[in-house]
N, C-alpha and C. Protein backbone atom coordinates (compact mmCIF):
# COMPACT_ATOMS: atom_id res chain seq x y z
N MET A 1 -16.87 71.23 -54.72
CA MET A 1 -17.34 70.91 -56.06
C MET A 1 -18.70 70.21 -56.01
N SER A 2 -18.87 69.26 -55.04
CA SER A 2 -20.16 68.56 -54.96
C SER A 2 -21.25 69.51 -54.47
N SER A 3 -20.84 70.53 -53.71
CA SER A 3 -21.83 71.54 -53.28
C SER A 3 -22.37 72.30 -54.48
N GLU A 4 -21.48 72.62 -55.43
CA GLU A 4 -21.92 73.31 -56.64
C GLU A 4 -22.81 72.41 -57.49
N ASN A 5 -22.48 71.11 -57.54
CA ASN A 5 -23.33 70.17 -58.29
C ASN A 5 -24.72 70.10 -57.66
N GLY A 6 -24.79 70.13 -56.33
CA GLY A 6 -26.08 70.12 -55.66
C GLY A 6 -26.89 71.35 -55.98
N VAL A 7 -26.20 72.49 -56.03
CA VAL A 7 -26.89 73.75 -56.36
C VAL A 7 -27.41 73.69 -57.79
N VAL A 8 -26.58 73.21 -58.70
CA VAL A 8 -26.99 73.11 -60.10
C VAL A 8 -28.19 72.17 -60.22
N ALA A 9 -28.15 71.06 -59.50
CA ALA A 9 -29.28 70.10 -59.54
C ALA A 9 -30.55 70.74 -59.01
N ARG A 10 -30.42 71.51 -57.92
CA ARG A 10 -31.60 72.18 -57.35
C ARG A 10 -32.16 73.21 -58.33
N ILE A 11 -31.26 73.95 -58.96
CA ILE A 11 -31.71 74.97 -59.93
C ILE A 11 -32.41 74.29 -61.10
N LYS A 12 -31.84 73.19 -61.60
CA LYS A 12 -32.47 72.48 -62.71
C LYS A 12 -33.82 71.92 -62.30
N ALA A 13 -33.91 71.38 -61.08
CA ALA A 13 -35.20 70.85 -60.60
C ALA A 13 -36.23 71.96 -60.49
N SER A 14 -35.80 73.12 -59.98
CA SER A 14 -36.73 74.25 -59.87
C SER A 14 -37.17 74.72 -61.24
N LYS A 15 -36.24 74.75 -62.20
CA LYS A 15 -36.59 75.15 -63.57
C LYS A 15 -37.60 74.17 -64.18
N ASP A 16 -37.38 72.87 -63.92
CA ASP A 16 -38.31 71.86 -64.45
C ASP A 16 -39.70 72.04 -63.86
N VAL A 17 -39.78 72.34 -62.57
CA VAL A 17 -41.08 72.55 -61.92
C VAL A 17 -41.75 73.78 -62.52
N LEU A 18 -40.99 74.85 -62.71
CA LEU A 18 -41.56 76.06 -63.31
C LEU A 18 -42.00 75.82 -64.75
N ALA A 19 -41.23 75.07 -65.50
CA ALA A 19 -41.61 74.77 -66.88
C ALA A 19 -42.90 73.96 -66.92
N ALA A 20 -43.03 73.00 -66.01
CA ALA A 20 -44.26 72.20 -65.95
C ALA A 20 -45.44 73.08 -65.57
N ALA A 21 -45.24 73.97 -64.61
CA ALA A 21 -46.33 74.87 -64.19
C ALA A 21 -46.73 75.78 -65.35
N LEU A 22 -45.77 76.27 -66.09
CA LEU A 22 -46.07 77.13 -67.25
C LEU A 22 -46.85 76.35 -68.30
N LEU A 23 -46.48 75.11 -68.54
CA LEU A 23 -47.21 74.28 -69.50
C LEU A 23 -48.66 74.08 -69.05
N VAL A 24 -48.85 73.80 -67.77
CA VAL A 24 -50.21 73.61 -67.24
C VAL A 24 -51.02 74.89 -67.42
N ILE A 25 -50.43 76.02 -67.10
CA ILE A 25 -51.13 77.31 -67.23
C ILE A 25 -51.50 77.56 -68.69
N THR A 26 -50.58 77.29 -69.59
CA THR A 26 -50.84 77.52 -71.01
C THR A 26 -51.98 76.64 -71.51
N VAL A 27 -51.95 75.36 -71.14
CA VAL A 27 -53.00 74.43 -71.59
C VAL A 27 -54.35 74.84 -71.02
N LEU A 28 -54.39 75.13 -69.72
CA LEU A 28 -55.67 75.51 -69.09
C LEU A 28 -56.21 76.80 -69.68
N SER A 29 -55.34 77.75 -69.96
CA SER A 29 -55.79 79.00 -70.57
C SER A 29 -56.40 78.74 -71.94
N GLY A 30 -55.78 77.88 -72.72
CA GLY A 30 -56.32 77.54 -74.03
C GLY A 30 -57.68 76.86 -73.95
N VAL A 31 -57.82 75.95 -72.97
CA VAL A 31 -59.10 75.25 -72.80
C VAL A 31 -60.20 76.23 -72.43
N VAL A 32 -59.90 77.12 -71.50
CA VAL A 32 -60.90 78.10 -71.07
C VAL A 32 -61.27 79.02 -72.24
N LYS A 33 -60.28 79.49 -72.98
CA LYS A 33 -60.56 80.37 -74.12
C LYS A 33 -61.41 79.66 -75.17
N PHE A 34 -61.09 78.41 -75.46
CA PHE A 34 -61.85 77.66 -76.45
C PHE A 34 -63.31 77.50 -76.01
N ALA A 35 -63.53 77.14 -74.76
CA ALA A 35 -64.90 76.96 -74.26
C ALA A 35 -65.68 78.28 -74.31
N PHE A 36 -65.03 79.36 -73.94
CA PHE A 36 -65.69 80.65 -73.94
C PHE A 36 -66.04 81.08 -75.37
N ASP A 37 -65.12 80.90 -76.32
CA ASP A 37 -65.37 81.25 -77.72
C ASP A 37 -66.51 80.43 -78.29
N GLU A 38 -66.55 79.16 -77.93
CA GLU A 38 -67.62 78.29 -78.41
C GLU A 38 -68.98 78.77 -77.91
N ALA A 39 -69.05 79.15 -76.65
CA ALA A 39 -70.31 79.64 -76.09
C ALA A 39 -70.75 80.93 -76.78
N MET A 40 -69.81 81.81 -77.07
CA MET A 40 -70.16 83.06 -77.74
C MET A 40 -70.66 82.79 -79.16
N GLU A 41 -70.06 81.84 -79.86
CA GLU A 41 -70.53 81.51 -81.21
C GLU A 41 -71.95 80.95 -81.17
N SER A 42 -72.24 80.11 -80.17
CA SER A 42 -73.59 79.56 -80.03
C SER A 42 -74.60 80.67 -79.78
N ARG A 43 -74.23 81.61 -78.95
CA ARG A 43 -75.13 82.73 -78.66
C ARG A 43 -75.38 83.56 -79.91
N ASP A 44 -74.31 83.82 -80.68
CA ASP A 44 -74.46 84.59 -81.92
C ASP A 44 -75.37 83.87 -82.91
N ALA A 45 -75.24 82.56 -83.00
CA ALA A 45 -76.10 81.78 -83.91
C ALA A 45 -77.56 81.87 -83.47
N ALA A 46 -77.80 81.82 -82.16
CA ALA A 46 -79.17 81.94 -81.66
C ALA A 46 -79.72 83.33 -81.96
N ASP A 47 -78.90 84.36 -81.81
CA ASP A 47 -79.34 85.73 -82.14
C ASP A 47 -79.70 85.85 -83.62
N ALA A 48 -78.90 85.26 -84.49
CA ALA A 48 -79.17 85.32 -85.93
C ALA A 48 -80.47 84.59 -86.27
N ALA A 49 -80.69 83.45 -85.63
CA ALA A 49 -81.92 82.70 -85.89
C ALA A 49 -83.14 83.48 -85.41
N THR A 50 -83.01 84.15 -84.29
CA THR A 50 -84.11 84.99 -83.79
C THR A 50 -84.40 86.12 -84.76
N ALA A 51 -83.37 86.74 -85.28
CA ALA A 51 -83.56 87.84 -86.24
C ALA A 51 -84.25 87.34 -87.50
N ARG A 52 -83.87 86.16 -87.98
CA ARG A 52 -84.52 85.60 -89.17
C ARG A 52 -86.00 85.32 -88.89
N THR A 53 -86.28 84.83 -87.71
CA THR A 53 -87.67 84.53 -87.36
C THR A 53 -88.50 85.80 -87.28
N ILE A 54 -87.94 86.85 -86.72
CA ILE A 54 -88.65 88.13 -86.64
C ILE A 54 -88.91 88.68 -88.04
N ALA A 55 -87.94 88.55 -88.92
CA ALA A 55 -88.13 89.01 -90.30
C ALA A 55 -89.24 88.21 -90.98
N ALA A 56 -89.28 86.92 -90.71
CA ALA A 56 -90.34 86.08 -91.29
C ALA A 56 -91.70 86.46 -90.74
N LEU A 57 -91.74 86.89 -89.49
CA LEU A 57 -93.00 87.31 -88.86
C LEU A 57 -93.66 88.46 -89.60
N THR A 58 -92.86 89.40 -90.03
CA THR A 58 -93.43 90.58 -90.68
C THR A 58 -94.04 90.25 -92.04
N GLU A 59 -93.65 89.13 -92.63
CA GLU A 59 -94.15 88.76 -93.95
C GLU A 59 -95.22 87.67 -93.92
N SER A 60 -95.43 87.05 -92.80
CA SER A 60 -96.31 85.89 -92.75
C SER A 60 -97.73 86.25 -92.32
N HIS A 61 -98.64 85.28 -92.47
CA HIS A 61 -100.04 85.44 -92.07
C HIS A 61 -100.19 85.10 -90.59
N SER A 62 -101.38 85.29 -90.03
CA SER A 62 -101.59 85.14 -88.59
C SER A 62 -101.30 83.73 -88.08
N SER A 63 -101.70 82.69 -88.80
CA SER A 63 -101.41 81.33 -88.33
C SER A 63 -99.91 81.06 -88.34
N GLU A 64 -99.26 81.60 -89.33
CA GLU A 64 -97.81 81.46 -89.39
C GLU A 64 -97.14 82.29 -88.30
N MET A 65 -97.77 83.40 -87.93
CA MET A 65 -97.23 84.24 -86.85
C MET A 65 -97.23 83.49 -85.53
N GLU A 66 -98.30 82.76 -85.26
CA GLU A 66 -98.36 81.99 -84.02
C GLU A 66 -97.24 80.95 -83.98
N ALA A 67 -97.03 80.27 -85.09
CA ALA A 67 -95.96 79.27 -85.16
C ALA A 67 -94.60 79.95 -84.98
N ALA A 68 -94.46 81.12 -85.59
CA ALA A 68 -93.19 81.85 -85.46
C ALA A 68 -92.97 82.31 -84.03
N LEU A 69 -94.04 82.76 -83.36
CA LEU A 69 -93.91 83.17 -81.96
C LEU A 69 -93.50 82.00 -81.08
N ASP A 70 -94.07 80.83 -81.35
CA ASP A 70 -93.65 79.63 -80.61
C ASP A 70 -92.18 79.35 -80.85
N HIS A 71 -91.78 79.49 -82.11
CA HIS A 71 -90.38 79.25 -82.46
C HIS A 71 -89.46 80.26 -81.76
N ILE A 72 -89.89 81.51 -81.71
CA ILE A 72 -89.11 82.54 -81.01
C ILE A 72 -88.96 82.18 -79.54
N GLY A 73 -90.04 81.72 -78.93
CA GLY A 73 -89.97 81.32 -77.53
C GLY A 73 -88.94 80.22 -77.31
N LYS A 74 -88.93 79.24 -78.22
CA LYS A 74 -87.96 78.16 -78.11
C LYS A 74 -86.53 78.68 -78.31
N LEU A 75 -86.38 79.59 -79.25
CA LEU A 75 -85.05 80.17 -79.48
C LEU A 75 -84.57 80.97 -78.27
N GLU A 76 -85.48 81.70 -77.65
CA GLU A 76 -85.11 82.48 -76.46
C GLU A 76 -84.71 81.56 -75.32
N GLU A 77 -85.41 80.43 -75.18
CA GLU A 77 -85.03 79.46 -74.15
C GLU A 77 -83.65 78.89 -74.44
N ALA A 78 -83.39 78.58 -75.70
CA ALA A 78 -82.07 78.06 -76.08
C ALA A 78 -80.99 79.10 -75.84
N GLN A 79 -81.30 80.36 -76.16
CA GLN A 79 -80.33 81.42 -75.94
C GLN A 79 -80.07 81.60 -74.45
N SER A 80 -81.10 81.53 -73.64
CA SER A 80 -80.94 81.65 -72.20
C SER A 80 -80.06 80.52 -71.66
N ALA A 81 -80.29 79.31 -72.16
CA ALA A 81 -79.46 78.17 -71.74
C ALA A 81 -78.01 78.38 -72.16
N THR A 82 -77.80 78.94 -73.35
CA THR A 82 -76.44 79.20 -73.83
C THR A 82 -75.75 80.24 -72.95
N VAL A 83 -76.48 81.29 -72.58
CA VAL A 83 -75.91 82.32 -71.71
C VAL A 83 -75.57 81.73 -70.35
N ASP A 84 -76.46 80.89 -69.82
CA ASP A 84 -76.19 80.25 -68.53
C ASP A 84 -74.95 79.36 -68.61
N ALA A 85 -74.82 78.61 -69.70
CA ALA A 85 -73.64 77.76 -69.88
C ALA A 85 -72.38 78.61 -69.99
N SER A 86 -72.46 79.73 -70.70
CA SER A 86 -71.31 80.63 -70.82
C SER A 86 -70.92 81.18 -69.46
N ARG A 87 -71.90 81.56 -68.69
CA ARG A 87 -71.64 82.10 -67.36
C ARG A 87 -70.96 81.04 -66.48
N ASP A 88 -71.45 79.80 -66.57
CA ASP A 88 -70.84 78.71 -65.79
C ASP A 88 -69.39 78.48 -66.21
N ARG A 89 -69.14 78.49 -67.53
CA ARG A 89 -67.77 78.30 -68.01
C ARG A 89 -66.86 79.43 -67.54
N PHE A 90 -67.38 80.65 -67.55
CA PHE A 90 -66.59 81.79 -67.10
C PHE A 90 -66.25 81.65 -65.62
N GLN A 91 -67.22 81.24 -64.82
CA GLN A 91 -66.96 81.06 -63.39
C GLN A 91 -65.94 79.96 -63.16
N LYS A 92 -66.03 78.88 -63.95
CA LYS A 92 -65.04 77.80 -63.82
C LYS A 92 -63.65 78.31 -64.20
N SER A 93 -63.57 79.18 -65.20
CA SER A 93 -62.26 79.71 -65.59
C SER A 93 -61.67 80.55 -64.46
N GLU A 94 -62.52 81.26 -63.72
CA GLU A 94 -62.03 82.04 -62.58
C GLU A 94 -61.50 81.11 -61.49
N VAL A 95 -62.16 79.98 -61.27
CA VAL A 95 -61.70 79.00 -60.28
C VAL A 95 -60.35 78.43 -60.71
N ILE A 96 -60.23 78.09 -61.99
CA ILE A 96 -58.96 77.55 -62.50
C ILE A 96 -57.85 78.58 -62.33
N ASP A 97 -58.13 79.83 -62.65
CA ASP A 97 -57.15 80.90 -62.50
C ASP A 97 -56.71 81.01 -61.04
N ALA A 98 -57.65 80.92 -60.10
CA ALA A 98 -57.31 81.00 -58.68
C ALA A 98 -56.44 79.81 -58.27
N GLU A 99 -56.73 78.63 -58.79
CA GLU A 99 -55.92 77.45 -58.47
C GLU A 99 -54.51 77.60 -59.01
N ILE A 100 -54.39 78.15 -60.20
CA ILE A 100 -53.06 78.36 -60.79
C ILE A 100 -52.27 79.35 -59.94
N ARG A 101 -52.92 80.44 -59.55
CA ARG A 101 -52.23 81.42 -58.70
C ARG A 101 -51.77 80.79 -57.39
N GLY A 102 -52.63 79.96 -56.80
CA GLY A 102 -52.27 79.29 -55.56
C GLY A 102 -51.07 78.38 -55.73
N ALA A 103 -51.04 77.63 -56.84
CA ALA A 103 -49.92 76.72 -57.09
C ALA A 103 -48.63 77.49 -57.30
N VAL A 104 -48.69 78.58 -58.03
CA VAL A 104 -47.48 79.38 -58.28
C VAL A 104 -47.00 80.02 -56.98
N ASN A 105 -47.92 80.53 -56.17
CA ASN A 105 -47.52 81.13 -54.90
C ASN A 105 -46.94 80.09 -53.95
N ALA A 106 -47.50 78.88 -53.95
CA ALA A 106 -46.95 77.80 -53.12
C ALA A 106 -45.54 77.45 -53.57
N LEU A 107 -45.32 77.42 -54.88
CA LEU A 107 -43.99 77.15 -55.42
C LEU A 107 -43.01 78.24 -55.01
N ARG A 108 -43.44 79.48 -55.11
CA ARG A 108 -42.58 80.60 -54.72
C ARG A 108 -42.22 80.50 -53.23
N THR A 109 -43.20 80.17 -52.39
CA THR A 109 -42.96 80.03 -50.95
C THR A 109 -41.99 78.89 -50.68
N GLU A 110 -42.16 77.76 -51.37
CA GLU A 110 -41.28 76.61 -51.18
C GLU A 110 -39.84 76.96 -51.54
N ILE A 111 -39.65 77.70 -52.60
CA ILE A 111 -38.30 78.11 -53.00
C ILE A 111 -37.67 78.98 -51.91
N ARG A 112 -38.43 79.91 -51.39
CA ARG A 112 -37.90 80.79 -50.34
C ARG A 112 -37.58 80.02 -49.07
N VAL A 113 -38.44 79.07 -48.71
CA VAL A 113 -38.21 78.27 -47.50
C VAL A 113 -36.94 77.45 -47.66
N ARG A 114 -36.76 76.82 -48.80
CA ARG A 114 -35.55 76.02 -49.02
C ARG A 114 -34.30 76.88 -48.96
N HIS A 115 -34.38 78.07 -49.49
CA HIS A 115 -33.22 78.96 -49.45
C HIS A 115 -32.91 79.37 -48.01
N ARG A 116 -33.95 79.65 -47.23
CA ARG A 116 -33.73 80.04 -45.83
C ARG A 116 -33.18 78.87 -45.01
N GLU A 117 -33.63 77.66 -45.29
CA GLU A 117 -33.20 76.48 -44.53
C GLU A 117 -31.74 76.14 -44.80
N ASN A 118 -31.26 76.37 -46.00
CA ASN A 118 -29.91 75.97 -46.34
C ASN A 118 -29.25 77.01 -47.23
N PRO A 119 -28.98 78.22 -46.69
CA PRO A 119 -28.42 79.27 -47.54
C PRO A 119 -26.98 78.97 -47.99
N GLU A 120 -26.25 78.14 -47.22
CA GLU A 120 -24.87 77.83 -47.60
C GLU A 120 -24.82 77.05 -48.91
N ALA A 121 -25.81 76.23 -49.14
CA ALA A 121 -25.82 75.42 -50.36
C ALA A 121 -25.95 76.30 -51.60
N TYR A 122 -26.58 77.43 -51.44
CA TYR A 122 -26.77 78.32 -52.58
C TYR A 122 -25.64 79.33 -52.71
N GLY A 123 -24.99 79.64 -51.60
CA GLY A 123 -24.04 80.73 -51.60
C GLY A 123 -24.83 82.03 -51.55
N VAL A 124 -24.29 83.05 -50.92
CA VAL A 124 -25.07 84.26 -50.70
C VAL A 124 -25.49 84.89 -52.02
N SER A 125 -24.54 85.19 -52.89
CA SER A 125 -24.91 85.90 -54.12
C SER A 125 -25.62 84.97 -55.11
N ARG A 126 -25.15 83.73 -55.25
CA ARG A 126 -25.77 82.80 -56.19
C ARG A 126 -27.19 82.46 -55.76
N GLY A 127 -27.40 82.21 -54.48
CA GLY A 127 -28.74 81.89 -53.98
C GLY A 127 -29.70 83.04 -54.16
N THR A 128 -29.23 84.24 -53.86
CA THR A 128 -30.09 85.41 -54.03
C THR A 128 -30.44 85.61 -55.50
N ALA A 129 -29.45 85.45 -56.37
CA ALA A 129 -29.71 85.61 -57.80
C ALA A 129 -30.68 84.54 -58.30
N THR A 130 -30.48 83.31 -57.84
CA THR A 130 -31.38 82.22 -58.24
C THR A 130 -32.79 82.49 -57.77
N LEU A 131 -32.93 82.91 -56.53
CA LEU A 131 -34.25 83.19 -55.97
C LEU A 131 -34.93 84.32 -56.74
N ARG A 132 -34.18 85.36 -57.05
CA ARG A 132 -34.75 86.47 -57.82
C ARG A 132 -35.19 86.01 -59.21
N HIS A 133 -34.33 85.18 -59.84
CA HIS A 133 -34.67 84.68 -61.17
C HIS A 133 -35.95 83.84 -61.12
N LEU A 134 -36.05 82.93 -60.16
CA LEU A 134 -37.24 82.08 -60.06
C LEU A 134 -38.47 82.91 -59.72
N SER A 135 -38.29 83.93 -58.90
CA SER A 135 -39.41 84.79 -58.56
C SER A 135 -39.90 85.55 -59.79
N ARG A 136 -38.97 86.04 -60.61
CA ARG A 136 -39.36 86.73 -61.85
C ARG A 136 -40.09 85.78 -62.80
N GLU A 137 -39.60 84.53 -62.88
CA GLU A 137 -40.26 83.55 -63.75
C GLU A 137 -41.69 83.29 -63.29
N THR A 138 -41.90 83.14 -61.99
CA THR A 138 -43.27 82.89 -61.51
C THR A 138 -44.14 84.11 -61.75
N ASP A 139 -43.58 85.31 -61.60
CA ASP A 139 -44.35 86.53 -61.90
C ASP A 139 -44.76 86.56 -63.38
N ARG A 140 -43.84 86.19 -64.27
CA ARG A 140 -44.16 86.15 -65.70
C ARG A 140 -45.27 85.14 -65.98
N MET A 141 -45.20 83.99 -65.29
CA MET A 141 -46.23 82.97 -65.49
C MET A 141 -47.59 83.51 -65.06
N LEU A 142 -47.64 84.20 -63.94
CA LEU A 142 -48.91 84.76 -63.48
C LEU A 142 -49.45 85.79 -64.46
N ILE A 143 -48.57 86.63 -64.98
CA ILE A 143 -49.00 87.66 -65.94
C ILE A 143 -49.54 87.00 -67.21
N ARG A 144 -48.84 85.97 -67.72
CA ARG A 144 -49.33 85.26 -68.90
C ARG A 144 -50.68 84.63 -68.63
N SER A 145 -50.84 84.06 -67.45
CA SER A 145 -52.12 83.44 -67.09
C SER A 145 -53.23 84.47 -67.06
N GLN A 146 -52.95 85.63 -66.46
CA GLN A 146 -53.97 86.68 -66.37
C GLN A 146 -54.32 87.21 -67.75
N ASN A 147 -53.34 87.35 -68.63
CA ASN A 147 -53.59 87.86 -69.97
C ASN A 147 -54.39 86.87 -70.81
N ALA A 148 -54.23 85.59 -70.54
CA ALA A 148 -54.94 84.57 -71.32
C ALA A 148 -56.39 84.41 -70.88
N MET A 149 -56.70 84.78 -69.64
CA MET A 149 -58.06 84.63 -69.12
C MET A 149 -58.92 85.82 -69.54
N PRO A 150 -60.20 85.58 -69.79
CA PRO A 150 -61.09 86.71 -70.09
C PRO A 150 -61.20 87.63 -68.89
N GLN A 151 -61.17 88.92 -69.13
CA GLN A 151 -61.23 89.90 -68.05
C GLN A 151 -62.67 90.34 -67.84
N GLY A 152 -63.10 90.41 -66.60
CA GLY A 152 -64.46 90.84 -66.30
C GLY A 152 -65.44 89.79 -66.75
N ASN A 153 -66.71 90.10 -66.69
CA ASN A 153 -67.73 89.17 -67.14
C ASN A 153 -68.42 89.76 -68.36
N PRO A 154 -68.08 89.27 -69.55
CA PRO A 154 -68.65 89.85 -70.77
C PRO A 154 -70.15 89.57 -70.91
N LEU A 155 -70.69 88.73 -70.04
CA LEU A 155 -72.11 88.39 -70.14
C LEU A 155 -72.99 89.29 -69.30
N GLU A 156 -72.38 90.16 -68.51
CA GLU A 156 -73.20 91.06 -67.69
C GLU A 156 -74.01 91.97 -68.59
N GLY A 157 -75.23 92.20 -68.19
CA GLY A 157 -76.09 93.09 -68.94
C GLY A 157 -76.86 92.41 -70.05
N LEU A 158 -76.67 91.10 -70.20
CA LEU A 158 -77.42 90.39 -71.26
C LEU A 158 -78.83 90.11 -70.78
């Protein structure tokens, strides 16, 4: 009976670890998505301002054109800085994704090692079923993480 209680405690502890890992993945995915969306909005605003300046250029006199050209130069610099910041955020999101994958794989390995070290505590069928269940849960977490992260580099070609 105490052996079954130990198994139940181990399963609950493993579930708690997986739940915490899922929470971390969800939060990090949201942070990365928010930062990326913010950068894209800034870039769109800079594009709109550039378009307004170009429209003003066609209607203005030569002295006003020089001022508008200076303004366009400043806008292009701001847009370039925004693109660079977006690229940096995207690269950081890839690093975070790699760290999450590493943590989930380490957790999966730890579960397998514990099962191999003490298979009697799990029982043959119960331990195998538990291991399969935990493995499926970690796979689902990885898939959710991958779906939440931006795919590819949307800034290429800018």
